[in-house]
Amino acid sequence: MSYDLDLKIMEMKEKKYYEQGAICAGCGKLIGRNEPTHLSHVLPQRKWVKQLYGEEVVYHELAMKLTHADQTCNAAVQISPNKTQLVNELVEKIRSELDEKDY
């Protein structure tokens, strides 16, 4: 990983930590300040999902949640692609935010 990407990930983890009130989006328990964490993807990172919605949507900060660094919490935040309404609502919100930045 490049230094810029590492820095961006650290900054996003810090932002999500405060936005989420130090609560894991997967299990709902407190995340200790020095506890290992993950930025977990709400939308699956599968190739077809990236092709359908675009990488800028899949990797958008609204499509990321802070979780404990374990597979259980990580998997708990992911929206199944067959939950169409939830996926569409999130994608619309992200695209709307991306459109606002283009102006």
N, C-alpha and C. Protein backbone atom coordinates (compact mmCIF):
# COMPACT_ATOMS: atom_id res chain seq x y z
N MET A 1 0.83 -1.18 0.00
CA MET A 1 0.00 0.00 0.00
C MET A 1 0.87 1.24 0.00
N SER A 2 0.38 2.24 -0.69
CA SER A 2 1.14 3.48 -0.73
C SER A 2 0.91 4.28 0.55
N TYR A 3 1.80 5.20 0.78
CA TYR A 3 1.69 6.06 1.96
C TYR A 3 0.38 6.85 1.93
N ASP A 4 0.02 7.38 0.74
CA ASP A 4 -1.21 8.17 0.62
C ASP A 4 -2.44 7.34 0.95
N LEU A 5 -2.48 6.09 0.49
CA LEU A 5 -3.62 5.22 0.77
C LEU A 5 -3.66 4.86 2.25
N ASP A 6 -2.52 4.56 2.83
CA ASP A 6 -2.46 4.27 4.27
C ASP A 6 -2.99 5.45 5.08
N LEU A 7 -2.59 6.64 4.71
CA LEU A 7 -3.02 7.86 5.40
C LEU A 7 -4.52 8.06 5.24
N LYS A 8 -5.03 7.85 4.03
CA LYS A 8 -6.46 8.00 3.77
C LYS A 8 -7.27 7.01 4.61
N ILE A 9 -6.81 5.78 4.70
CA ILE A 9 -7.49 4.76 5.50
C ILE A 9 -7.47 5.15 6.97
N MET A 10 -6.33 5.59 7.47
CA MET A 10 -6.24 6.01 8.87
C MET A 10 -7.19 7.16 9.16
N GLU A 11 -7.24 8.13 8.25
CA GLU A 11 -8.13 9.28 8.43
C GLU A 11 -9.60 8.86 8.42
N MET A 12 -9.95 7.94 7.51
CA MET A 12 -11.33 7.49 7.45
C MET A 12 -11.70 6.68 8.68
N LYS A 13 -10.78 5.86 9.17
CA LYS A 13 -11.05 5.11 10.40
C LYS A 13 -11.30 6.06 11.57
N GLU A 14 -10.49 7.08 11.65
CA GLU A 14 -10.65 8.08 12.73
C GLU A 14 -12.00 8.78 12.62
N LYS A 15 -12.36 9.18 11.41
CA LYS A 15 -13.64 9.86 11.19
C LYS A 15 -14.80 8.94 11.56
N LYS A 16 -14.75 7.69 11.10
CA LYS A 16 -15.83 6.73 11.38
C LYS A 16 -15.90 6.42 12.88
N TYR A 17 -14.76 6.38 13.54
CA TYR A 17 -14.72 6.12 14.98
C TYR A 17 -15.59 7.14 15.72
N TYR A 18 -15.43 8.41 15.37
CA TYR A 18 -16.20 9.47 16.03
C TYR A 18 -17.64 9.52 15.53
N GLU A 19 -17.85 9.33 14.23
CA GLU A 19 -19.22 9.33 13.68
C GLU A 19 -20.07 8.24 14.32
N GLN A 20 -19.48 7.09 14.54
CA GLN A 20 -20.20 5.94 15.08
C GLN A 20 -20.18 5.92 16.60
N GLY A 21 -19.60 6.92 17.22
CA GLY A 21 -19.56 6.99 18.67
C GLY A 21 -18.75 5.87 19.30
N ALA A 22 -17.71 5.43 18.60
CA ALA A 22 -16.82 4.36 19.05
C ALA A 22 -17.54 3.02 19.19
N ILE A 23 -18.62 2.86 18.43
CA ILE A 23 -19.39 1.63 18.46
C ILE A 23 -19.16 0.84 17.17
N CYS A 24 -18.91 -0.44 17.29
CA CYS A 24 -18.70 -1.32 16.14
C CYS A 24 -20.01 -1.45 15.38
N ALA A 25 -19.96 -1.23 14.07
CA ALA A 25 -21.16 -1.33 13.23
C ALA A 25 -21.60 -2.79 13.07
N GLY A 26 -20.74 -3.73 13.39
CA GLY A 26 -21.09 -5.14 13.24
C GLY A 26 -21.77 -5.74 14.45
N CYS A 27 -21.19 -5.50 15.63
CA CYS A 27 -21.72 -6.15 16.84
C CYS A 27 -22.38 -5.18 17.81
N GLY A 28 -22.16 -3.88 17.61
CA GLY A 28 -22.78 -2.89 18.48
C GLY A 28 -22.05 -2.66 19.79
N LYS A 29 -20.88 -3.26 19.94
CA LYS A 29 -20.11 -3.09 21.17
C LYS A 29 -19.07 -1.98 21.00
N LEU A 30 -18.62 -1.47 22.11
CA LEU A 30 -17.63 -0.41 22.13
C LEU A 30 -16.32 -0.88 21.50
N ILE A 31 -15.71 0.01 20.74
CA ILE A 31 -14.39 -0.24 20.16
C ILE A 31 -13.38 0.51 21.02
N GLY A 32 -12.45 -0.21 21.61
CA GLY A 32 -11.41 0.41 22.41
C GLY A 32 -10.53 1.30 21.55
N ARG A 33 -10.04 2.38 22.11
CA ARG A 33 -9.27 3.38 21.36
C ARG A 33 -8.08 2.78 20.61
N ASN A 34 -7.41 1.80 21.19
CA ASN A 34 -6.24 1.20 20.55
C ASN A 34 -6.51 -0.19 19.99
N GLU A 35 -7.78 -0.54 19.91
CA GLU A 35 -8.17 -1.85 19.40
C GLU A 35 -8.02 -1.90 17.87
N PRO A 36 -7.58 -3.03 17.33
CA PRO A 36 -7.50 -3.15 15.87
C PRO A 36 -8.90 -3.08 15.25
N THR A 37 -9.02 -2.35 14.14
CA THR A 37 -10.31 -2.16 13.47
C THR A 37 -10.18 -2.39 11.98
N HIS A 38 -11.32 -2.53 11.33
CA HIS A 38 -11.40 -2.62 9.87
C HIS A 38 -12.38 -1.60 9.36
N LEU A 39 -12.13 -1.12 8.17
CA LEU A 39 -13.15 -0.39 7.42
C LEU A 39 -13.85 -1.46 6.60
N SER A 40 -15.05 -1.78 6.97
CA SER A 40 -15.78 -2.86 6.33
C SER A 40 -16.70 -2.32 5.25
N HIS A 41 -16.75 -3.03 4.14
CA HIS A 41 -17.56 -2.63 3.00
C HIS A 41 -19.00 -3.08 3.17
N VAL A 42 -19.92 -2.15 3.05
CA VAL A 42 -21.34 -2.47 3.14
C VAL A 42 -21.78 -3.18 1.86
N LEU A 43 -21.28 -2.72 0.73
CA LEU A 43 -21.55 -3.38 -0.54
C LEU A 43 -20.44 -4.39 -0.82
N PRO A 44 -20.78 -5.58 -1.29
CA PRO A 44 -19.75 -6.59 -1.56
C PRO A 44 -18.74 -6.07 -2.59
N GLN A 45 -17.50 -6.46 -2.45
CA GLN A 45 -16.45 -6.03 -3.37
C GLN A 45 -16.32 -6.97 -4.56
N ARG A 46 -17.38 -7.63 -4.91
CA ARG A 46 -17.35 -8.56 -6.04
C ARG A 46 -17.25 -7.79 -7.35
N LYS A 47 -16.65 -8.44 -8.33
CA LYS A 47 -16.43 -7.81 -9.63
C LYS A 47 -17.74 -7.31 -10.25
N TRP A 48 -18.78 -8.12 -10.20
CA TRP A 48 -20.04 -7.73 -10.83
C TRP A 48 -20.68 -6.55 -10.11
N VAL A 49 -20.47 -6.45 -8.80
CA VAL A 49 -21.02 -5.32 -8.04
C VAL A 49 -20.28 -4.04 -8.44
N LYS A 50 -18.96 -4.13 -8.58
CA LYS A 50 -18.18 -2.97 -9.01
C LYS A 50 -18.57 -2.54 -10.42
N GLN A 51 -18.81 -3.53 -11.30
CA GLN A 51 -19.21 -3.20 -12.67
C GLN A 51 -20.61 -2.57 -12.70
N LEU A 52 -21.49 -3.05 -11.87
CA LEU A 52 -22.87 -2.55 -11.85
C LEU A 52 -22.97 -1.15 -11.28
N TYR A 53 -22.30 -0.90 -10.15
CA TYR A 53 -22.44 0.38 -9.45
C TYR A 53 -21.24 1.30 -9.63
N GLY A 54 -20.10 0.76 -9.97
CA GLY A 54 -18.88 1.53 -10.11
C GLY A 54 -18.05 1.52 -8.84
N GLU A 55 -16.75 1.55 -9.00
CA GLU A 55 -15.84 1.51 -7.85
C GLU A 55 -16.01 2.73 -6.95
N GLU A 56 -16.34 3.88 -7.54
CA GLU A 56 -16.49 5.08 -6.71
C GLU A 56 -17.67 4.93 -5.75
N VAL A 57 -18.65 4.11 -6.08
CA VAL A 57 -19.78 3.84 -5.18
C VAL A 57 -19.37 2.79 -4.16
N VAL A 58 -18.79 1.68 -4.61
CA VAL A 58 -18.42 0.58 -3.72
C VAL A 58 -17.40 1.02 -2.67
N TYR A 59 -16.49 1.92 -3.04
CA TYR A 59 -15.44 2.36 -2.12
C TYR A 59 -15.73 3.72 -1.47
N HIS A 60 -16.92 4.22 -1.67
CA HIS A 60 -17.30 5.52 -1.09
C HIS A 60 -17.36 5.41 0.44
N GLU A 61 -17.10 6.50 1.10
CA GLU A 61 -17.09 6.49 2.56
C GLU A 61 -18.45 6.13 3.16
N LEU A 62 -19.55 6.45 2.47
CA LEU A 62 -20.87 6.05 2.96
C LEU A 62 -21.09 4.54 2.87
N ALA A 63 -20.29 3.88 2.05
CA ALA A 63 -20.40 2.43 1.90
C ALA A 63 -19.40 1.70 2.79
N MET A 64 -18.85 2.41 3.76
CA MET A 64 -17.86 1.83 4.67
C MET A 64 -18.32 2.03 6.11
N LYS A 65 -18.06 1.04 6.92
CA LYS A 65 -18.37 1.11 8.35
C LYS A 65 -17.14 0.65 9.13
N LEU A 66 -16.96 1.19 10.31
CA LEU A 66 -15.86 0.78 11.17
C LEU A 66 -16.33 -0.39 12.03
N THR A 67 -15.52 -1.45 12.03
CA THR A 67 -15.85 -2.64 12.82
C THR A 67 -14.61 -3.13 13.55
N HIS A 68 -14.85 -4.04 14.49
CA HIS A 68 -13.73 -4.75 15.09
C HIS A 68 -13.01 -5.51 13.98
N ALA A 69 -11.75 -5.81 14.20
CA ALA A 69 -10.94 -6.47 13.18
C ALA A 69 -11.14 -7.99 13.21
N ASP A 70 -12.37 -8.42 13.12
CA ASP A 70 -12.62 -9.86 13.02
C ASP A 70 -13.66 -10.10 11.94
N GLN A 71 -13.67 -11.29 11.41
CA GLN A 71 -14.52 -11.62 10.28
C GLN A 71 -16.01 -11.52 10.62
N THR A 72 -16.39 -11.85 11.84
CA THR A 72 -17.80 -11.82 12.22
C THR A 72 -18.36 -10.41 12.13
N CYS A 73 -17.67 -9.45 12.70
CA CYS A 73 -18.14 -8.06 12.66
C CYS A 73 -18.09 -7.52 11.23
N ASN A 74 -17.04 -7.86 10.52
CA ASN A 74 -16.88 -7.43 9.14
C ASN A 74 -18.05 -7.92 8.29
N ALA A 75 -18.37 -9.19 8.39
CA ALA A 75 -19.45 -9.77 7.59
C ALA A 75 -20.81 -9.24 7.99
N ALA A 76 -20.97 -8.85 9.24
CA ALA A 76 -22.27 -8.41 9.73
C ALA A 76 -22.75 -7.10 9.10
N VAL A 77 -21.86 -6.28 8.58
CA VAL A 77 -22.26 -4.99 8.03
C VAL A 77 -22.61 -5.06 6.55
N GLN A 78 -22.23 -6.13 5.90
CA GLN A 78 -22.44 -6.22 4.46
C GLN A 78 -23.92 -6.45 4.12
N ILE A 79 -24.41 -5.65 3.19
CA ILE A 79 -25.78 -5.82 2.71
C ILE A 79 -25.75 -6.86 1.59
N SER A 80 -26.57 -7.86 1.72
CA SER A 80 -26.68 -8.87 0.68
C SER A 80 -27.22 -8.22 -0.60
N PRO A 81 -26.61 -8.52 -1.76
CA PRO A 81 -27.08 -7.92 -3.01
C PRO A 81 -28.54 -8.22 -3.33
N ASN A 82 -29.11 -9.29 -2.73
CA ASN A 82 -30.52 -9.58 -3.01
C ASN A 82 -31.48 -8.73 -2.16
N LYS A 83 -30.95 -7.90 -1.28
CA LYS A 83 -31.77 -6.94 -0.54
C LYS A 83 -31.80 -5.64 -1.35
N THR A 84 -32.48 -5.75 -2.47
CA THR A 84 -32.45 -4.71 -3.50
C THR A 84 -32.80 -3.33 -2.99
N GLN A 85 -33.82 -3.20 -2.19
CA GLN A 85 -34.25 -1.88 -1.73
C GLN A 85 -33.16 -1.20 -0.90
N LEU A 86 -32.56 -1.94 0.04
CA LEU A 86 -31.49 -1.36 0.86
C LEU A 86 -30.28 -0.96 0.01
N VAL A 87 -29.92 -1.83 -0.93
CA VAL A 87 -28.78 -1.54 -1.81
C VAL A 87 -29.09 -0.30 -2.65
N ASN A 88 -30.27 -0.26 -3.25
CA ASN A 88 -30.63 0.88 -4.10
C ASN A 88 -30.67 2.18 -3.33
N GLU A 89 -31.19 2.16 -2.10
CA GLU A 89 -31.23 3.38 -1.29
C GLU A 89 -29.82 3.89 -1.00
N LEU A 90 -28.92 2.98 -0.65
CA LEU A 90 -27.54 3.38 -0.38
C LEU A 90 -26.86 3.91 -1.64
N VAL A 91 -27.02 3.21 -2.74
CA VAL A 91 -26.40 3.63 -4.00
C VAL A 91 -26.93 4.99 -4.43
N GLU A 92 -28.23 5.22 -4.30
CA GLU A 92 -28.81 6.53 -4.65
C GLU A 92 -28.23 7.64 -3.78
N LYS A 93 -28.09 7.37 -2.49
CA LYS A 93 -27.54 8.37 -1.57
C LYS A 93 -26.08 8.70 -1.95
N ILE A 94 -25.31 7.66 -2.26
CA ILE A 94 -23.91 7.88 -2.64
C ILE A 94 -23.82 8.64 -3.95
N ARG A 95 -24.59 8.23 -4.94
CA ARG A 95 -24.56 8.92 -6.25
C ARG A 95 -25.00 10.37 -6.11
N SER A 96 -25.96 10.63 -5.25
CA SER A 96 -26.41 12.01 -5.02
C SER A 96 -25.27 12.83 -4.43
N GLU A 97 -24.56 12.26 -3.48
CA GLU A 97 -23.43 12.97 -2.88
C GLU A 97 -22.32 13.19 -3.90
N LEU A 98 -22.07 12.19 -4.74
CA LEU A 98 -21.04 12.34 -5.79
C LEU A 98 -21.44 13.42 -6.79
N ASP A 99 -22.73 13.49 -7.13
CA ASP A 99 -23.21 14.53 -8.04
C ASP A 99 -23.03 15.91 -7.46
N GLU A 100 -23.27 16.06 -6.16
CA GLU A 100 -23.10 17.35 -5.49
C GLU A 100 -21.65 17.81 -5.55
N LYS A 101 -20.72 16.87 -5.44
CA LYS A 101 -19.29 17.23 -5.48
C LYS A 101 -18.86 17.66 -6.88
N ASP A 102 -19.57 17.19 -7.89
CA ASP A 102 -19.23 17.54 -9.28
C ASP A 102 -19.56 18.99 -9.60
N TYR A 103 -20.44 19.61 -8.83
CA TYR A 103 -20.83 21.00 -9.10
C TYR A 103 -19.84 21.97 -8.61
